[in-house]
Amino acid sequence: MIRPCSLDILNDAPLLSQNNPNTHSPSTVSSSIRDLIAKVGEKVSLKRAMTVVQSPLSGQSPNLGLRLARYLHGSVSSAPQGRIGSLAVLALKSPELARHLENEAFIKDLERLERALARQIAGFDTRSIKSSNGDETALYNQPFMMFGGECGNESVRMALDNWSKRQGLIREDDEGGIEVLEFAKWGVGDVVE
């Protein structure tokens, strides 16, 4: 679901406002980069970009929802200028998903969990999601350190299951909850392959 995006296409794309994505700016990505270079006097270049393409899973069931977790670490004065970044596609599964997504408190806690997961991916040597042999480079095997100490020594997998139960996404005999489907991680200076 997470794929590299063509820089040729992206450079000519209009720049969208994060605060008001429906407002189109006359600026493009490449003109914004040129303006930043003129402003700061430093060479700035776009080396890579990622895009999330819709999965065929998303239209299958009203009990399944996809969410995007994201985090940029090491930004100095501007959120979009991080030194390490991560994206993760998450699946929410519940027979009552629509009801949960209407609850403002649930959404706030979900957004906090999404940020914590993306921070975990960025902050640890995370190379895969699952591993059956206890490999700590697998996200689900790592101790969940980025959720504000709520998880104690729980693994990410256990913390996600417990969070899902507390939120009512999983009932005693039902399947459901939250699952990490895919992630991408990068840092400034990483070699592009």
N, C-alpha and C. Protein backbone atom coordinates (compact mmCIF):
# COMPACT_ATOMS: atom_id res chain seq x y z
N MET A 1 0.81 -1.20 0.00
CA MET A 1 0.00 0.00 0.00
C MET A 1 0.85 1.26 0.00
N ILE A 2 2.05 1.20 0.56
CA ILE A 2 2.95 2.36 0.56
C ILE A 2 3.93 2.17 -0.58
N ARG A 3 3.92 3.11 -1.50
CA ARG A 3 4.74 3.00 -2.70
C ARG A 3 5.55 4.28 -2.91
N PRO A 4 6.71 4.16 -3.56
CA PRO A 4 7.45 5.37 -3.94
C PRO A 4 6.61 6.19 -4.92
N CYS A 5 6.75 7.49 -4.83
CA CYS A 5 6.03 8.41 -5.72
C CYS A 5 7.04 9.04 -6.67
N SER A 6 6.67 9.16 -7.94
CA SER A 6 7.54 9.76 -8.94
C SER A 6 7.80 11.23 -8.60
N LEU A 7 9.08 11.59 -8.50
CA LEU A 7 9.42 12.98 -8.20
C LEU A 7 9.08 13.91 -9.35
N ASP A 8 9.14 13.40 -10.58
CA ASP A 8 8.76 14.24 -11.73
C ASP A 8 7.31 14.67 -11.63
N ILE A 9 6.46 13.76 -11.26
CA ILE A 9 5.04 14.09 -11.12
C ILE A 9 4.82 14.99 -9.91
N LEU A 10 5.48 14.68 -8.80
CA LEU A 10 5.29 15.43 -7.57
C LEU A 10 5.78 16.87 -7.69
N ASN A 11 6.91 17.09 -8.35
CA ASN A 11 7.45 18.45 -8.48
C ASN A 11 6.49 19.40 -9.16
N ASP A 12 5.69 18.91 -10.10
CA ASP A 12 4.74 19.76 -10.82
C ASP A 12 3.36 19.80 -10.16
N ALA A 13 3.19 19.08 -9.07
CA ALA A 13 1.90 19.03 -8.38
C ALA A 13 1.67 20.33 -7.61
N PRO A 14 0.40 20.75 -7.51
CA PRO A 14 0.11 21.95 -6.73
C PRO A 14 0.37 21.69 -5.25
N LEU A 15 0.79 22.71 -4.55
CA LEU A 15 1.05 22.61 -3.13
C LEU A 15 -0.27 22.76 -2.39
N LEU A 16 -0.60 21.80 -1.55
CA LEU A 16 -1.85 21.84 -0.80
C LEU A 16 -1.57 22.27 0.63
N SER A 17 -2.48 23.00 1.20
CA SER A 17 -2.37 23.43 2.58
C SER A 17 -2.83 22.32 3.51
N GLN A 18 -2.04 22.04 4.54
CA GLN A 18 -2.43 21.03 5.51
C GLN A 18 -3.67 21.49 6.28
N ASN A 19 -3.78 22.79 6.54
CA ASN A 19 -4.91 23.32 7.29
C ASN A 19 -6.17 23.42 6.47
N ASN A 20 -6.05 23.61 5.16
CA ASN A 20 -7.22 23.74 4.30
C ASN A 20 -6.92 23.07 2.96
N PRO A 21 -7.01 21.72 2.90
CA PRO A 21 -6.62 21.00 1.69
C PRO A 21 -7.50 21.29 0.48
N ASN A 22 -8.66 21.91 0.67
CA ASN A 22 -9.54 22.22 -0.46
C ASN A 22 -9.14 23.50 -1.17
N THR A 23 -8.26 24.28 -0.56
CA THR A 23 -7.79 25.52 -1.16
C THR A 23 -6.55 25.22 -2.00
N HIS A 24 -6.61 25.56 -3.27
CA HIS A 24 -5.47 25.30 -4.15
C HIS A 24 -4.60 26.55 -4.25
N SER A 25 -3.32 26.33 -4.11
CA SER A 25 -2.34 27.40 -4.18
C SER A 25 -1.78 27.45 -5.60
N PRO A 26 -1.39 28.62 -6.06
CA PRO A 26 -0.74 28.67 -7.38
C PRO A 26 0.67 28.08 -7.34
N SER A 27 1.19 27.83 -6.14
CA SER A 27 2.53 27.26 -6.00
C SER A 27 2.53 25.77 -6.29
N THR A 28 3.65 25.31 -6.83
CA THR A 28 3.86 23.88 -7.01
C THR A 28 4.91 23.45 -5.99
N VAL A 29 5.12 22.16 -5.88
CA VAL A 29 6.14 21.65 -4.97
C VAL A 29 7.51 22.20 -5.36
N SER A 30 7.84 22.16 -6.65
CA SER A 30 9.17 22.64 -7.07
C SER A 30 9.33 24.14 -6.85
N SER A 31 8.28 24.95 -7.08
CA SER A 31 8.41 26.39 -6.83
C SER A 31 8.54 26.68 -5.34
N SER A 32 7.91 25.89 -4.51
CA SER A 32 8.05 26.06 -3.05
C SER A 32 9.45 25.72 -2.59
N ILE A 33 10.06 24.70 -3.19
CA ILE A 33 11.45 24.35 -2.87
C ILE A 33 12.38 25.49 -3.29
N ARG A 34 12.15 26.05 -4.49
CA ARG A 34 12.97 27.19 -4.94
C ARG A 34 12.83 28.38 -3.99
N ASP A 35 11.59 28.65 -3.52
CA ASP A 35 11.37 29.76 -2.58
C ASP A 35 12.09 29.52 -1.27
N LEU A 36 12.10 28.28 -0.80
CA LEU A 36 12.79 27.95 0.45
C LEU A 36 14.30 28.13 0.29
N ILE A 37 14.85 27.71 -0.85
CA ILE A 37 16.29 27.88 -1.11
C ILE A 37 16.65 29.36 -1.08
N ALA A 38 15.82 30.20 -1.72
CA ALA A 38 16.09 31.64 -1.73
C ALA A 38 15.99 32.24 -0.33
N LYS A 39 15.11 31.72 0.48
CA LYS A 39 14.89 32.25 1.83
C LYS A 39 16.01 31.86 2.79
N VAL A 40 16.42 30.59 2.77
CA VAL A 40 17.41 30.13 3.75
C VAL A 40 18.83 30.10 3.22
N GLY A 41 19.00 30.17 1.91
CA GLY A 41 20.34 30.18 1.33
C GLY A 41 21.06 28.84 1.39
N GLU A 42 20.32 27.78 1.53
CA GLU A 42 20.89 26.44 1.58
C GLU A 42 20.34 25.61 0.43
N LYS A 43 21.14 24.64 -0.01
CA LYS A 43 20.67 23.73 -1.05
C LYS A 43 19.63 22.78 -0.44
N VAL A 44 18.48 22.75 -1.03
CA VAL A 44 17.40 21.87 -0.59
C VAL A 44 16.95 21.08 -1.81
N SER A 45 16.81 19.78 -1.64
CA SER A 45 16.33 18.97 -2.76
C SER A 45 15.41 17.88 -2.25
N LEU A 46 14.51 17.49 -3.09
CA LEU A 46 13.58 16.41 -2.78
C LEU A 46 14.17 15.13 -3.36
N LYS A 47 14.50 14.20 -2.49
CA LYS A 47 15.17 12.96 -2.91
C LYS A 47 14.19 11.81 -3.13
N ARG A 48 13.12 11.77 -2.32
CA ARG A 48 12.17 10.68 -2.43
C ARG A 48 10.85 11.11 -1.82
N ALA A 49 9.81 10.44 -2.23
CA ALA A 49 8.47 10.68 -1.68
C ALA A 49 7.73 9.36 -1.69
N MET A 50 6.83 9.23 -0.74
CA MET A 50 6.02 8.02 -0.63
C MET A 50 4.56 8.40 -0.80
N THR A 51 3.80 7.47 -1.28
CA THR A 51 2.36 7.66 -1.40
C THR A 51 1.67 6.43 -0.86
N VAL A 52 0.48 6.61 -0.39
CA VAL A 52 -0.33 5.49 0.08
C VAL A 52 -1.45 5.30 -0.93
N VAL A 53 -1.48 4.12 -1.51
CA VAL A 53 -2.53 3.80 -2.46
C VAL A 53 -3.62 3.03 -1.73
N GLN A 54 -4.85 3.26 -2.14
CA GLN A 54 -5.97 2.60 -1.47
C GLN A 54 -5.91 1.10 -1.69
N SER A 55 -6.09 0.38 -0.64
CA SER A 55 -6.08 -1.07 -0.68
C SER A 55 -7.45 -1.60 -1.10
N PRO A 56 -7.48 -2.74 -1.77
CA PRO A 56 -8.77 -3.33 -2.08
C PRO A 56 -9.52 -3.73 -0.81
N LEU A 57 -8.84 -3.81 0.34
CA LEU A 57 -9.50 -4.15 1.60
C LEU A 57 -10.52 -3.10 2.02
N SER A 58 -10.26 -1.83 1.70
CA SER A 58 -11.05 -0.74 2.27
C SER A 58 -12.51 -0.74 1.82
N GLY A 59 -12.84 -1.28 0.68
CA GLY A 59 -14.21 -1.28 0.24
C GLY A 59 -14.96 -2.56 0.57
N GLN A 60 -14.32 -3.48 1.25
CA GLN A 60 -14.90 -4.80 1.47
C GLN A 60 -15.93 -4.86 2.57
N SER A 61 -15.74 -4.14 3.65
CA SER A 61 -16.58 -4.34 4.81
C SER A 61 -16.75 -3.04 5.59
N PRO A 62 -17.97 -2.81 6.10
CA PRO A 62 -18.15 -1.64 6.96
C PRO A 62 -17.50 -1.85 8.33
N ASN A 63 -17.02 -3.06 8.60
CA ASN A 63 -16.37 -3.37 9.87
C ASN A 63 -14.86 -3.16 9.81
N LEU A 64 -14.35 -2.65 8.68
CA LEU A 64 -12.92 -2.45 8.48
C LEU A 64 -12.66 -1.01 8.05
N GLY A 65 -11.74 -0.37 8.72
CA GLY A 65 -11.33 0.98 8.35
C GLY A 65 -9.82 1.07 8.33
N LEU A 66 -9.28 1.83 7.39
CA LEU A 66 -7.83 2.03 7.29
C LEU A 66 -7.48 3.42 7.80
N ARG A 67 -6.37 3.51 8.51
CA ARG A 67 -5.88 4.78 9.05
C ARG A 67 -4.40 4.91 8.72
N LEU A 68 -3.93 6.13 8.68
CA LEU A 68 -2.53 6.40 8.39
C LEU A 68 -1.89 7.04 9.62
N ALA A 69 -0.86 6.39 10.14
CA ALA A 69 -0.09 6.93 11.25
C ALA A 69 1.17 7.55 10.66
N ARG A 70 1.59 8.69 11.21
CA ARG A 70 2.77 9.36 10.67
C ARG A 70 3.51 10.08 11.79
N TYR A 71 4.82 10.20 11.59
CA TYR A 71 5.64 10.90 12.57
C TYR A 71 6.91 11.40 11.91
N LEU A 72 7.30 12.64 12.23
CA LEU A 72 8.58 13.21 11.82
C LEU A 72 9.34 13.58 13.08
N HIS A 73 10.55 13.09 13.21
CA HIS A 73 11.37 13.36 14.39
C HIS A 73 12.54 14.25 14.03
N GLY A 74 12.87 15.14 14.93
CA GLY A 74 14.06 15.96 14.75
C GLY A 74 13.82 17.24 14.00
N SER A 75 12.58 17.67 13.88
CA SER A 75 12.33 18.95 13.20
C SER A 75 12.79 20.07 14.12
N VAL A 76 13.36 21.10 13.53
CA VAL A 76 13.90 22.19 14.31
C VAL A 76 12.82 23.22 14.61
N SER A 77 12.29 23.85 13.59
CA SER A 77 11.28 24.88 13.82
C SER A 77 10.02 24.66 12.99
N SER A 78 10.03 23.67 12.15
CA SER A 78 8.89 23.43 11.28
C SER A 78 8.60 21.93 11.23
N ALA A 79 7.36 21.56 11.49
CA ALA A 79 6.98 20.15 11.53
C ALA A 79 7.34 19.37 10.26
N PRO A 80 7.23 19.96 9.06
CA PRO A 80 7.55 19.16 7.87
C PRO A 80 9.03 18.93 7.63
N GLN A 81 9.90 19.41 8.50
CA GLN A 81 11.34 19.31 8.26
C GLN A 81 12.02 18.36 9.23
N GLY A 82 11.49 17.17 9.40
CA GLY A 82 12.06 16.20 10.32
C GLY A 82 13.29 15.52 9.77
N ARG A 83 14.06 14.89 10.65
CA ARG A 83 15.27 14.18 10.26
C ARG A 83 15.01 12.69 10.07
N ILE A 84 14.01 12.15 10.76
CA ILE A 84 13.60 10.75 10.61
C ILE A 84 12.09 10.75 10.48
N GLY A 85 11.58 9.97 9.55
CA GLY A 85 10.13 9.93 9.36
C GLY A 85 9.63 8.51 9.25
N SER A 86 8.36 8.34 9.57
CA SER A 86 7.73 7.03 9.40
C SER A 86 6.27 7.20 9.04
N LEU A 87 5.78 6.26 8.26
CA LEU A 87 4.36 6.14 7.90
C LEU A 87 3.96 4.71 8.21
N ALA A 88 2.74 4.53 8.68
CA ALA A 88 2.23 3.18 8.89
C ALA A 88 0.76 3.15 8.50
N VAL A 89 0.36 2.11 7.80
CA VAL A 89 -1.05 1.90 7.47
C VAL A 89 -1.61 0.93 8.50
N LEU A 90 -2.67 1.37 9.16
CA LEU A 90 -3.29 0.59 10.22
C LEU A 90 -4.69 0.16 9.80
N ALA A 91 -5.09 -1.02 10.23
CA ALA A 91 -6.45 -1.50 9.99
C ALA A 91 -7.18 -1.55 11.32
N LEU A 92 -8.37 -0.96 11.34
CA LEU A 92 -9.26 -1.06 12.50
C LEU A 92 -10.37 -2.03 12.11
N LYS A 93 -10.60 -3.02 12.97
CA LYS A 93 -11.63 -4.01 12.68
C LYS A 93 -12.57 -4.12 13.89
N SER A 94 -13.86 -3.96 13.64
CA SER A 94 -14.85 -4.09 14.70
C SER A 94 -16.24 -4.14 14.07
N PRO A 95 -17.13 -4.95 14.64
CA PRO A 95 -18.50 -4.96 14.14
C PRO A 95 -19.22 -3.63 14.37
N GLU A 96 -18.71 -2.81 15.31
CA GLU A 96 -19.33 -1.52 15.62
C GLU A 96 -18.40 -0.37 15.27
N LEU A 97 -17.64 -0.51 14.21
CA LEU A 97 -16.63 0.48 13.86
C LEU A 97 -17.24 1.86 13.61
N ALA A 98 -18.35 1.93 12.91
CA ALA A 98 -18.97 3.23 12.61
C ALA A 98 -19.32 3.98 13.90
N ARG A 99 -19.83 3.28 14.89
CA ARG A 99 -20.17 3.91 16.17
C ARG A 99 -18.91 4.46 16.85
N HIS A 100 -17.83 3.69 16.82
CA HIS A 100 -16.57 4.13 17.43
C HIS A 100 -16.05 5.39 16.74
N LEU A 101 -16.12 5.43 15.42
CA LEU A 101 -15.56 6.55 14.66
C LEU A 101 -16.38 7.82 14.81
N GLU A 102 -17.56 7.73 15.39
CA GLU A 102 -18.37 8.92 15.69
C GLU A 102 -18.07 9.48 17.07
N ASN A 103 -17.31 8.75 17.87
CA ASN A 103 -17.00 9.13 19.25
C ASN A 103 -15.72 9.96 19.27
N GLU A 104 -15.85 11.23 19.67
CA GLU A 104 -14.70 12.14 19.66
C GLU A 104 -13.58 11.68 20.60
N ALA A 105 -13.94 11.15 21.77
CA ALA A 105 -12.92 10.67 22.71
C ALA A 105 -12.16 9.48 22.13
N PHE A 106 -12.86 8.59 21.42
CA PHE A 106 -12.21 7.46 20.78
C PHE A 106 -11.23 7.94 19.72
N ILE A 107 -11.65 8.90 18.90
CA ILE A 107 -10.78 9.43 17.83
C ILE A 107 -9.52 10.06 18.43
N LYS A 108 -9.67 10.84 19.50
CA LYS A 108 -8.49 11.46 20.13
C LYS A 108 -7.52 10.39 20.65
N ASP A 109 -8.04 9.35 21.29
CA ASP A 109 -7.17 8.29 21.80
C ASP A 109 -6.55 7.50 20.65
N LEU A 110 -7.31 7.29 19.59
CA LEU A 110 -6.78 6.60 18.41
C LEU A 110 -5.65 7.41 17.78
N GLU A 111 -5.82 8.71 17.66
CA GLU A 111 -4.77 9.56 17.09
C GLU A 111 -3.51 9.53 17.96
N ARG A 112 -3.68 9.48 19.27
CA ARG A 112 -2.54 9.37 20.19
C ARG A 112 -1.82 8.03 20.00
N LEU A 113 -2.59 6.96 19.83
CA LEU A 113 -2.01 5.64 19.58
C LEU A 113 -1.29 5.61 18.23
N GLU A 114 -1.89 6.20 17.20
CA GLU A 114 -1.27 6.24 15.88
C GLU A 114 0.09 6.94 15.94
N ARG A 115 0.13 8.07 16.61
CA ARG A 115 1.40 8.81 16.73
C ARG A 115 2.43 7.98 17.49
N ALA A 116 1.99 7.30 18.56
CA ALA A 116 2.91 6.47 19.34
C ALA A 116 3.47 5.33 18.49
N LEU A 117 2.64 4.71 17.68
CA LEU A 117 3.12 3.63 16.80
C LEU A 117 4.13 4.14 15.79
N ALA A 118 3.83 5.28 15.18
CA ALA A 118 4.75 5.85 14.20
C ALA A 118 6.06 6.28 14.87
N ARG A 119 6.00 6.80 16.10
CA ARG A 119 7.22 7.14 16.85
C ARG A 119 8.02 5.89 17.17
N GLN A 120 7.34 4.81 17.52
CA GLN A 120 8.01 3.55 17.82
C GLN A 120 8.79 3.07 16.60
N ILE A 121 8.16 3.14 15.44
CA ILE A 121 8.81 2.70 14.20
C ILE A 121 10.04 3.58 13.91
N ALA A 122 9.87 4.90 14.07
CA ALA A 122 10.98 5.82 13.79
C ALA A 122 12.10 5.70 14.81
N GLY A 123 11.77 5.43 16.07
CA GLY A 123 12.75 5.47 17.13
C GLY A 123 13.50 4.18 17.38
N PHE A 124 13.01 3.08 16.87
CA PHE A 124 13.64 1.79 17.10
C PHE A 124 14.14 1.21 15.78
N ASP A 125 14.97 0.21 15.87
CA ASP A 125 15.46 -0.50 14.70
C ASP A 125 14.36 -1.45 14.22
N THR A 126 13.34 -0.87 13.61
CA THR A 126 12.17 -1.63 13.18
C THR A 126 12.33 -2.00 11.72
N ARG A 127 12.32 -3.31 11.45
CA ARG A 127 12.54 -3.79 10.08
C ARG A 127 11.37 -4.58 9.52
N SER A 128 10.52 -5.09 10.39
CA SER A 128 9.35 -5.86 9.96
C SER A 128 8.24 -5.65 10.98
N ILE A 129 7.08 -6.18 10.68
CA ILE A 129 5.95 -6.06 11.61
C ILE A 129 5.90 -7.24 12.56
N LYS A 130 5.98 -8.45 12.01
CA LYS A 130 5.84 -9.66 12.81
C LYS A 130 7.05 -10.56 12.62
N SER A 131 7.35 -11.32 13.67
CA SER A 131 8.38 -12.34 13.60
C SER A 131 8.04 -13.37 14.67
N SER A 132 8.11 -14.62 14.32
CA SER A 132 7.75 -15.66 15.28
C SER A 132 8.90 -16.04 16.21
N ASN A 133 10.10 -15.59 15.92
CA ASN A 133 11.25 -16.04 16.72
C ASN A 133 11.71 -15.03 17.78
N GLY A 134 10.88 -14.05 18.11
CA GLY A 134 11.25 -13.09 19.16
C GLY A 134 12.21 -12.01 18.71
N ASP A 135 12.43 -11.85 17.43
CA ASP A 135 13.33 -10.85 16.87
C ASP A 135 12.84 -9.45 17.25
N GLU A 136 13.67 -8.67 17.97
CA GLU A 136 13.26 -7.34 18.42
C GLU A 136 13.31 -6.27 17.32
N THR A 137 13.70 -6.64 16.11
CA THR A 137 13.56 -5.68 15.01
C THR A 137 12.15 -5.77 14.42
N ALA A 138 11.37 -6.76 14.86
CA ALA A 138 9.96 -6.86 14.46
C ALA A 138 9.14 -5.98 15.40
N LEU A 139 8.35 -5.08 14.86
CA LEU A 139 7.58 -4.12 15.63
C LEU A 139 6.77 -4.78 16.74
N TYR A 140 6.04 -5.84 16.42
CA TYR A 140 5.16 -6.47 17.42
C TYR A 140 5.92 -7.09 18.59
N ASN A 141 7.21 -7.37 18.43
CA ASN A 141 8.00 -7.96 19.51
C ASN A 141 8.68 -6.91 20.39
N GLN A 142 8.70 -5.67 19.96
CA GLN A 142 9.39 -4.63 20.71
C GLN A 142 8.57 -4.20 21.93
N PRO A 143 9.24 -3.81 23.03
CA PRO A 143 8.50 -3.22 24.14
C PRO A 143 7.94 -1.87 23.68
N PHE A 144 6.66 -1.62 23.98
CA PHE A 144 6.00 -0.39 23.49
C PHE A 144 6.41 0.78 24.37
N MET A 145 7.47 1.45 23.97
CA MET A 145 8.07 2.51 24.77
C MET A 145 7.50 3.89 24.47
N MET A 146 6.77 4.05 23.39
CA MET A 146 6.37 5.38 22.94
C MET A 146 4.92 5.74 23.27
N PHE A 147 4.29 5.00 24.17
CA PHE A 147 2.88 5.27 24.49
C PHE A 147 2.73 5.84 25.89
N GLY A 148 3.68 6.67 26.28
CA GLY A 148 3.58 7.40 27.53
C GLY A 148 3.63 6.55 28.79
N GLY A 149 4.32 5.42 28.76
CA GLY A 149 4.47 4.59 29.94
C GLY A 149 3.24 3.80 30.33
N GLU A 150 2.17 3.87 29.54
CA GLU A 150 0.93 3.17 29.86
C GLU A 150 1.06 1.66 29.74
N CYS A 151 2.01 1.20 28.97
CA CYS A 151 2.08 -0.22 28.63
C CYS A 151 3.05 -1.01 29.50
N GLY A 152 3.76 -0.34 30.38
CA GLY A 152 4.72 -1.07 31.21
C GLY A 152 5.75 -1.76 30.35
N ASN A 153 5.84 -3.06 30.48
CA ASN A 153 6.78 -3.84 29.68
C ASN A 153 6.07 -4.65 28.61
N GLU A 154 4.88 -4.23 28.22
CA GLU A 154 4.13 -4.95 27.20
C GLU A 154 4.79 -4.80 25.84
N SER A 155 4.69 -5.83 25.04
CA SER A 155 5.12 -5.73 23.66
C SER A 155 4.11 -4.88 22.90
N VAL A 156 4.50 -4.39 21.74
CA VAL A 156 3.59 -3.61 20.92
C VAL A 156 2.33 -4.42 20.61
N ARG A 157 2.49 -5.71 20.26
CA ARG A 157 1.34 -6.56 19.96
C ARG A 157 0.37 -6.65 21.13
N MET A 158 0.90 -6.90 22.35
CA MET A 158 0.05 -6.99 23.54
C MET A 158 -0.62 -5.66 23.83
N ALA A 159 0.12 -4.56 23.67
CA ALA A 159 -0.44 -3.23 23.93
C ALA A 159 -1.58 -2.92 22.96
N LEU A 160 -1.42 -3.30 21.68
CA LEU A 160 -2.49 -3.07 20.71
C LEU A 160 -3.73 -3.89 21.05
N ASP A 161 -3.53 -5.14 21.44
CA ASP A 161 -4.66 -5.99 21.83
C ASP A 161 -5.37 -5.41 23.05
N ASN A 162 -4.60 -5.02 24.06
CA ASN A 162 -5.20 -4.46 25.28
C ASN A 162 -5.91 -3.14 25.01
N TRP A 163 -5.33 -2.29 24.18
CA TRP A 163 -5.97 -1.02 23.81
C TRP A 163 -7.29 -1.31 23.10
N SER A 164 -7.27 -2.25 22.17
CA SER A 164 -8.48 -2.61 21.41
C SER A 164 -9.57 -3.12 22.34
N LYS A 165 -9.21 -3.90 23.34
CA LYS A 165 -10.20 -4.42 24.30
C LYS A 165 -10.77 -3.27 25.15
N ARG A 166 -9.89 -2.39 25.64
CA ARG A 166 -10.36 -1.25 26.45
C ARG A 166 -11.30 -0.35 25.66
N GLN A 167 -11.05 -0.20 24.37
CA GLN A 167 -11.86 0.67 23.53
C GLN A 167 -13.14 -0.01 23.05
N GLY A 168 -13.26 -1.30 23.26
CA GLY A 168 -14.46 -2.02 22.82
C GLY A 168 -14.41 -2.49 21.38
N LEU A 169 -13.23 -2.45 20.76
CA LEU A 169 -13.10 -2.96 19.38
C LEU A 169 -13.15 -4.48 19.36
N ILE A 170 -12.69 -5.10 20.45
CA ILE A 170 -12.68 -6.56 20.56
C ILE A 170 -13.57 -6.94 21.73
N ARG A 171 -14.48 -7.84 21.47
CA ARG A 171 -15.25 -8.43 22.56
C ARG A 171 -14.62 -9.78 22.87
N GLU A 172 -15.09 -10.41 23.91
CA GLU A 172 -14.48 -11.66 24.39
C GLU A 172 -14.24 -12.70 23.29
N ASP A 173 -15.24 -12.95 22.45
CA ASP A 173 -15.11 -14.03 21.47
C ASP A 173 -15.01 -13.53 20.03
N ASP A 174 -14.88 -12.23 19.85
CA ASP A 174 -14.82 -11.66 18.50
C ASP A 174 -13.38 -11.45 18.06
N GLU A 175 -13.21 -11.44 16.77
CA GLU A 175 -11.95 -10.97 16.21
C GLU A 175 -12.10 -9.48 15.97
N GLY A 176 -11.02 -8.79 15.91
CA GLY A 176 -11.08 -7.36 15.65
C GLY A 176 -9.87 -6.69 16.24
N GLY A 177 -9.98 -5.39 16.41
CA GLY A 177 -8.90 -4.62 17.01
C GLY A 177 -8.16 -3.80 15.98
N ILE A 178 -6.93 -3.48 16.32
CA ILE A 178 -6.09 -2.66 15.45
C ILE A 178 -4.87 -3.48 15.05
N GLU A 179 -4.48 -3.32 13.79
CA GLU A 179 -3.36 -4.08 13.24
C GLU A 179 -2.53 -3.18 12.34
N VAL A 180 -1.22 -3.33 12.40
CA VAL A 180 -0.32 -2.61 11.49
C VAL A 180 -0.21 -3.45 10.23
N LEU A 181 -0.60 -2.89 9.08
CA LEU A 181 -0.54 -3.63 7.82
C LEU A 181 0.78 -3.45 7.09
N GLU A 182 1.32 -2.23 7.15
CA GLU A 182 2.54 -1.94 6.41
C GLU A 182 3.14 -0.65 6.97
N PHE A 183 4.46 -0.49 6.85
CA PHE A 183 5.09 0.75 7.28
C PHE A 183 6.26 1.08 6.37
N ALA A 184 6.65 2.35 6.42
CA ALA A 184 7.86 2.82 5.74
C ALA A 184 8.58 3.75 6.71
N LYS A 185 9.91 3.73 6.65
CA LYS A 185 10.74 4.53 7.54
C LYS A 185 11.90 5.07 6.73
N TRP A 186 12.29 6.32 6.98
CA TRP A 186 13.42 6.91 6.27
C TRP A 186 14.07 7.96 7.14
N GLY A 187 15.28 8.32 6.78
CA GLY A 187 16.01 9.36 7.50
C GLY A 187 16.76 10.24 6.52
N VAL A 188 17.08 11.44 6.95
CA VAL A 188 17.85 12.37 6.12
C VAL A 188 19.20 11.71 5.82
N GLY A 189 19.59 11.71 4.57
CA GLY A 189 20.86 11.13 4.16
C GLY A 189 20.79 9.66 3.83
N ASP A 190 19.62 9.02 4.01
CA ASP A 190 19.51 7.61 3.63
C ASP A 190 19.74 7.47 2.13
N VAL A 191 20.39 6.41 1.74
CA VAL A 191 20.64 6.14 0.34
C VAL A 191 19.34 5.68 -0.31
N VAL A 192 19.01 6.30 -1.42
CA VAL A 192 17.81 5.92 -2.15
C VAL A 192 18.18 4.79 -3.09
N GLU A 193 17.45 3.70 -3.02
CA GLU A 193 17.74 2.55 -3.88
C GLU A 193 16.85 2.52 -5.09
